[in-house]
Amino acid sequence: MMIHVSQEAAQWFIKELDLQPGDSVRFFPRYSSSGGLHPGFSLGLTVEDPQHPGLVQESDKVMFYMEDHDLWYLRGYDLTVKYEESLDDISYIYKEDGAVH
């Protein structure tokens, strides 16, 4: 289980969320009518400092993470966050642990 945020996606977050070096972006599962990896849940995000980070990746001096108690959402999967230039937005890609990326 891991998080990978591409450099292009990190730049998108920095621009869209007006992030500064040292800021942290938390990914978390939230109730949603549209499905993500699990029916009834999708991935949310917020800018906040970690309390008990379970997965962490730093990109362009910004920390991207999931709290330990939220890791159930990714169990068995890796998360890749990519920038989609044609949409000027990010996308979440879930691959089973150990799958070729």
N, C-alpha and C. Protein backbone atom coordinates (compact mmCIF):
# COMPACT_ATOMS: atom_id res chain seq x y z
N MET A 1 0.86 -1.17 0.00
CA MET A 1 0.00 0.00 0.00
C MET A 1 0.91 1.23 0.00
N MET A 2 0.63 2.15 -0.92
CA MET A 2 1.43 3.37 -1.01
C MET A 2 0.63 4.48 -1.68
N ILE A 3 1.13 5.69 -1.52
CA ILE A 3 0.60 6.86 -2.22
C ILE A 3 1.72 7.39 -3.11
N HIS A 4 1.40 7.67 -4.36
CA HIS A 4 2.35 8.34 -5.25
C HIS A 4 1.63 9.52 -5.89
N VAL A 5 2.15 10.71 -5.67
CA VAL A 5 1.62 11.93 -6.28
C VAL A 5 2.65 12.40 -7.29
N SER A 6 2.27 12.42 -8.56
CA SER A 6 3.21 12.86 -9.59
C SER A 6 3.60 14.32 -9.36
N GLN A 7 4.74 14.70 -9.89
CA GLN A 7 5.19 16.08 -9.73
C GLN A 7 4.19 17.05 -10.38
N GLU A 8 3.62 16.67 -11.51
CA GLU A 8 2.63 17.53 -12.18
C GLU A 8 1.38 17.68 -11.31
N ALA A 9 0.96 16.58 -10.67
CA ALA A 9 -0.20 16.65 -9.77
C ALA A 9 0.13 17.51 -8.56
N ALA A 10 1.33 17.38 -8.02
CA ALA A 10 1.74 18.21 -6.88
C ALA A 10 1.69 19.68 -7.26
N GLN A 11 2.13 20.02 -8.45
CA GLN A 11 2.09 21.41 -8.91
C GLN A 11 0.65 21.90 -9.03
N TRP A 12 -0.25 21.02 -9.48
CA TRP A 12 -1.67 21.38 -9.56
C TRP A 12 -2.20 21.69 -8.18
N PHE A 13 -1.92 20.83 -7.19
CA PHE A 13 -2.36 21.07 -5.82
C PHE A 13 -1.81 22.39 -5.29
N ILE A 14 -0.53 22.64 -5.52
CA ILE A 14 0.10 23.88 -5.04
C ILE A 14 -0.61 25.10 -5.61
N LYS A 15 -0.92 25.05 -6.90
CA LYS A 15 -1.61 26.17 -7.55
C LYS A 15 -3.05 26.30 -7.07
N GLU A 16 -3.80 25.19 -7.09
CA GLU A 16 -5.23 25.24 -6.78
C GLU A 16 -5.52 25.52 -5.31
N LEU A 17 -4.67 25.02 -4.43
CA LEU A 17 -4.90 25.17 -2.98
C LEU A 17 -4.01 26.24 -2.36
N ASP A 18 -3.24 26.94 -3.19
CA ASP A 18 -2.34 28.00 -2.72
C ASP A 18 -1.44 27.49 -1.60
N LEU A 19 -0.81 26.34 -1.87
CA LEU A 19 0.04 25.70 -0.86
C LEU A 19 1.41 26.36 -0.81
N GLN A 20 2.00 26.28 0.37
CA GLN A 20 3.35 26.79 0.61
C GLN A 20 4.24 25.62 1.00
N PRO A 21 5.57 25.75 0.83
CA PRO A 21 6.47 24.69 1.29
C PRO A 21 6.19 24.38 2.77
N GLY A 22 6.12 23.08 3.08
CA GLY A 22 5.84 22.67 4.44
C GLY A 22 4.37 22.38 4.72
N ASP A 23 3.47 22.74 3.79
CA ASP A 23 2.05 22.42 3.96
C ASP A 23 1.82 20.92 3.77
N SER A 24 0.69 20.44 4.26
CA SER A 24 0.33 19.03 4.16
C SER A 24 -1.07 18.88 3.60
N VAL A 25 -1.23 17.89 2.71
CA VAL A 25 -2.53 17.58 2.12
C VAL A 25 -2.92 16.18 2.58
N ARG A 26 -4.07 16.09 3.23
CA ARG A 26 -4.56 14.81 3.73
C ARG A 26 -5.61 14.25 2.77
N PHE A 27 -5.45 12.98 2.38
CA PHE A 27 -6.46 12.25 1.64
C PHE A 27 -7.25 11.43 2.66
N PHE A 28 -8.57 11.40 2.51
CA PHE A 28 -9.39 10.65 3.46
C PHE A 28 -10.65 10.13 2.78
N PRO A 29 -11.18 8.98 3.25
CA PRO A 29 -12.43 8.48 2.69
C PRO A 29 -13.60 9.29 3.22
N ARG A 30 -14.57 9.57 2.34
CA ARG A 30 -15.76 10.31 2.76
C ARG A 30 -16.98 9.67 2.11
N TYR A 31 -18.11 9.84 2.79
CA TYR A 31 -19.36 9.34 2.22
C TYR A 31 -19.64 10.09 0.93
N SER A 32 -20.12 9.36 -0.07
CA SER A 32 -20.37 9.98 -1.37
C SER A 32 -21.36 9.12 -2.14
N SER A 33 -22.21 9.77 -2.91
CA SER A 33 -23.15 9.02 -3.74
C SER A 33 -22.45 8.41 -4.94
N SER A 34 -21.33 9.05 -5.36
CA SER A 34 -20.57 8.47 -6.47
C SER A 34 -19.49 7.57 -5.87
N GLY A 35 -19.25 6.48 -6.52
CA GLY A 35 -18.30 5.51 -5.99
C GLY A 35 -16.87 5.82 -6.35
N GLY A 36 -15.99 5.49 -5.47
CA GLY A 36 -14.56 5.51 -5.73
C GLY A 36 -14.10 4.07 -5.69
N LEU A 37 -13.17 3.80 -4.84
CA LEU A 37 -12.66 2.45 -4.66
C LEU A 37 -13.69 1.56 -3.97
N HIS A 38 -14.49 2.13 -3.07
CA HIS A 38 -15.52 1.40 -2.33
C HIS A 38 -16.88 2.06 -2.59
N PRO A 39 -17.92 1.27 -2.84
CA PRO A 39 -19.26 1.85 -3.06
C PRO A 39 -19.68 2.73 -1.88
N GLY A 40 -20.20 3.91 -2.19
CA GLY A 40 -20.68 4.82 -1.16
C GLY A 40 -19.61 5.71 -0.57
N PHE A 41 -18.36 5.57 -1.02
CA PHE A 41 -17.26 6.39 -0.53
C PHE A 41 -16.45 6.92 -1.70
N SER A 42 -15.87 8.08 -1.52
CA SER A 42 -14.92 8.60 -2.47
C SER A 42 -13.77 9.22 -1.67
N LEU A 43 -12.74 9.62 -2.37
CA LEU A 43 -11.57 10.18 -1.70
C LEU A 43 -11.72 11.69 -1.60
N GLY A 44 -11.65 12.20 -0.39
CA GLY A 44 -11.67 13.63 -0.16
C GLY A 44 -10.27 14.11 0.16
N LEU A 45 -10.11 15.42 0.23
CA LEU A 45 -8.81 15.97 0.62
C LEU A 45 -9.02 17.26 1.38
N THR A 46 -8.05 17.54 2.23
CA THR A 46 -8.05 18.76 3.00
C THR A 46 -6.61 19.15 3.30
N VAL A 47 -6.41 20.43 3.57
CA VAL A 47 -5.08 20.90 3.94
C VAL A 47 -5.03 20.96 5.46
N GLU A 48 -4.28 20.05 6.05
CA GLU A 48 -4.14 20.02 7.51
C GLU A 48 -2.90 19.22 7.89
N ASP A 49 -2.35 19.53 9.05
CA ASP A 49 -1.17 18.83 9.54
C ASP A 49 -1.55 17.43 9.99
N PRO A 50 -0.64 16.47 9.78
CA PRO A 50 -0.92 15.09 10.18
C PRO A 50 -0.89 14.92 11.70
N GLN A 51 -1.71 13.98 12.17
CA GLN A 51 -1.71 13.59 13.58
C GLN A 51 -1.03 12.22 13.73
N HIS A 52 -1.49 11.24 12.97
CA HIS A 52 -0.95 9.88 12.99
C HIS A 52 -0.86 9.37 11.55
N PRO A 53 0.08 9.91 10.77
CA PRO A 53 0.14 9.53 9.35
C PRO A 53 0.50 8.06 9.18
N GLY A 54 -0.24 7.40 8.29
CA GLY A 54 0.02 5.99 7.99
C GLY A 54 0.76 5.82 6.68
N LEU A 55 0.46 6.66 5.70
CA LEU A 55 1.17 6.69 4.42
C LEU A 55 1.56 8.13 4.13
N VAL A 56 2.78 8.33 3.65
CA VAL A 56 3.28 9.68 3.40
C VAL A 56 4.09 9.70 2.12
N GLN A 57 3.94 10.76 1.35
CA GLN A 57 4.85 11.05 0.24
C GLN A 57 5.06 12.56 0.20
N GLU A 58 6.29 12.97 0.03
CA GLU A 58 6.58 14.39 -0.12
C GLU A 58 6.89 14.65 -1.58
N SER A 59 6.31 15.72 -2.10
CA SER A 59 6.56 16.14 -3.47
C SER A 59 6.56 17.66 -3.51
N ASP A 60 7.60 18.24 -4.08
CA ASP A 60 7.74 19.70 -4.18
C ASP A 60 7.53 20.38 -2.83
N LYS A 61 8.12 19.78 -1.78
CA LYS A 61 8.12 20.34 -0.41
C LYS A 61 6.74 20.39 0.22
N VAL A 62 5.80 19.58 -0.31
CA VAL A 62 4.47 19.45 0.27
C VAL A 62 4.29 17.98 0.65
N MET A 63 3.74 17.73 1.84
CA MET A 63 3.48 16.37 2.29
C MET A 63 2.07 15.96 1.89
N PHE A 64 1.96 14.80 1.24
CA PHE A 64 0.68 14.19 0.90
C PHE A 64 0.58 12.93 1.75
N TYR A 65 -0.56 12.74 2.44
CA TYR A 65 -0.62 11.64 3.38
C TYR A 65 -2.05 11.15 3.62
N MET A 66 -2.13 9.98 4.27
CA MET A 66 -3.38 9.44 4.80
C MET A 66 -3.12 9.10 6.26
N GLU A 67 -4.08 9.43 7.10
CA GLU A 67 -3.98 9.08 8.51
C GLU A 67 -4.09 7.57 8.67
N ASP A 68 -3.45 7.06 9.70
CA ASP A 68 -3.45 5.62 9.97
C ASP A 68 -4.86 5.05 10.03
N HIS A 69 -5.79 5.75 10.68
CA HIS A 69 -7.15 5.21 10.83
C HIS A 69 -7.96 5.23 9.52
N ASP A 70 -7.43 5.87 8.47
CA ASP A 70 -8.11 5.90 7.17
C ASP A 70 -7.56 4.87 6.18
N LEU A 71 -6.54 4.14 6.59
CA LEU A 71 -5.88 3.22 5.65
C LEU A 71 -6.77 2.08 5.17
N TRP A 72 -7.85 1.81 5.87
CA TRP A 72 -8.78 0.76 5.43
C TRP A 72 -9.24 1.01 3.99
N TYR A 73 -9.32 2.27 3.62
CA TYR A 73 -9.82 2.62 2.29
C TYR A 73 -8.90 2.09 1.19
N LEU A 74 -7.58 2.09 1.44
CA LEU A 74 -6.63 1.65 0.42
C LEU A 74 -6.15 0.22 0.62
N ARG A 75 -6.59 -0.46 1.66
CA ARG A 75 -6.06 -1.80 1.95
C ARG A 75 -6.10 -2.67 0.70
N GLY A 76 -4.90 -3.16 0.33
CA GLY A 76 -4.78 -4.01 -0.85
C GLY A 76 -4.52 -3.24 -2.14
N TYR A 77 -4.43 -1.92 -2.05
CA TYR A 77 -4.25 -1.08 -3.25
C TYR A 77 -3.17 -0.02 -3.04
N ASP A 78 -2.59 0.42 -4.14
CA ASP A 78 -1.74 1.60 -4.19
C ASP A 78 -2.54 2.71 -4.84
N LEU A 79 -2.29 3.94 -4.41
CA LEU A 79 -2.95 5.11 -4.98
C LEU A 79 -1.93 5.95 -5.74
N THR A 80 -2.22 6.22 -7.00
CA THR A 80 -1.42 7.15 -7.79
C THR A 80 -2.31 8.34 -8.12
N VAL A 81 -1.80 9.53 -7.87
CA VAL A 81 -2.52 10.76 -8.20
C VAL A 81 -1.79 11.40 -9.37
N LYS A 82 -2.50 11.53 -10.50
CA LYS A 82 -1.92 12.09 -11.72
C LYS A 82 -2.63 13.37 -12.12
N TYR A 83 -1.91 14.21 -12.83
CA TYR A 83 -2.49 15.41 -13.42
C TYR A 83 -2.95 15.08 -14.83
N GLU A 84 -4.20 15.42 -15.14
CA GLU A 84 -4.75 15.21 -16.48
C GLU A 84 -4.79 16.56 -17.19
N GLU A 85 -3.82 16.79 -18.05
CA GLU A 85 -3.68 18.09 -18.72
C GLU A 85 -4.93 18.47 -19.51
N SER A 86 -5.53 17.51 -20.19
CA SER A 86 -6.70 17.83 -21.02
C SER A 86 -7.89 18.32 -20.19
N LEU A 87 -7.94 17.95 -18.92
CA LEU A 87 -9.02 18.37 -18.03
C LEU A 87 -8.60 19.47 -17.06
N ASP A 88 -7.29 19.74 -17.00
CA ASP A 88 -6.71 20.62 -15.99
C ASP A 88 -7.23 20.22 -14.60
N ASP A 89 -7.10 18.92 -14.31
CA ASP A 89 -7.59 18.36 -13.06
C ASP A 89 -6.74 17.15 -12.72
N ILE A 90 -6.96 16.61 -11.54
CA ILE A 90 -6.25 15.41 -11.12
C ILE A 90 -7.14 14.19 -11.27
N SER A 91 -6.51 13.03 -11.32
CA SER A 91 -7.26 11.77 -11.31
C SER A 91 -6.60 10.82 -10.32
N TYR A 92 -7.43 9.96 -9.75
CA TYR A 92 -6.97 8.95 -8.80
C TYR A 92 -6.96 7.61 -9.51
N ILE A 93 -5.84 6.92 -9.44
CA ILE A 93 -5.71 5.61 -10.05
C ILE A 93 -5.38 4.61 -8.94
N TYR A 94 -6.22 3.59 -8.83
CA TYR A 94 -6.03 2.55 -7.81
C TYR A 94 -5.54 1.29 -8.49
N LYS A 95 -4.43 0.74 -8.01
CA LYS A 95 -3.90 -0.52 -8.54
C LYS A 95 -3.68 -1.45 -7.37
N GLU A 96 -3.94 -2.73 -7.60
CA GLU A 96 -3.71 -3.70 -6.54
C GLU A 96 -2.25 -3.68 -6.12
N ASP A 97 -2.01 -3.87 -4.81
CA ASP A 97 -0.65 -3.94 -4.29
C ASP A 97 0.18 -4.90 -5.15
N GLY A 98 1.37 -4.46 -5.51
CA GLY A 98 2.26 -5.31 -6.25
C GLY A 98 2.02 -5.33 -7.75
N ALA A 99 0.96 -4.69 -8.22
CA ALA A 99 0.70 -4.64 -9.66
C ALA A 99 1.75 -3.75 -10.32
N VAL A 100 2.10 -4.05 -11.55
CA VAL A 100 3.07 -3.24 -12.28
C VAL A 100 2.45 -1.88 -12.58
N HIS A 101 3.20 -0.81 -12.27
CA HIS A 101 2.68 0.55 -12.47
C HIS A 101 3.13 1.10 -13.78
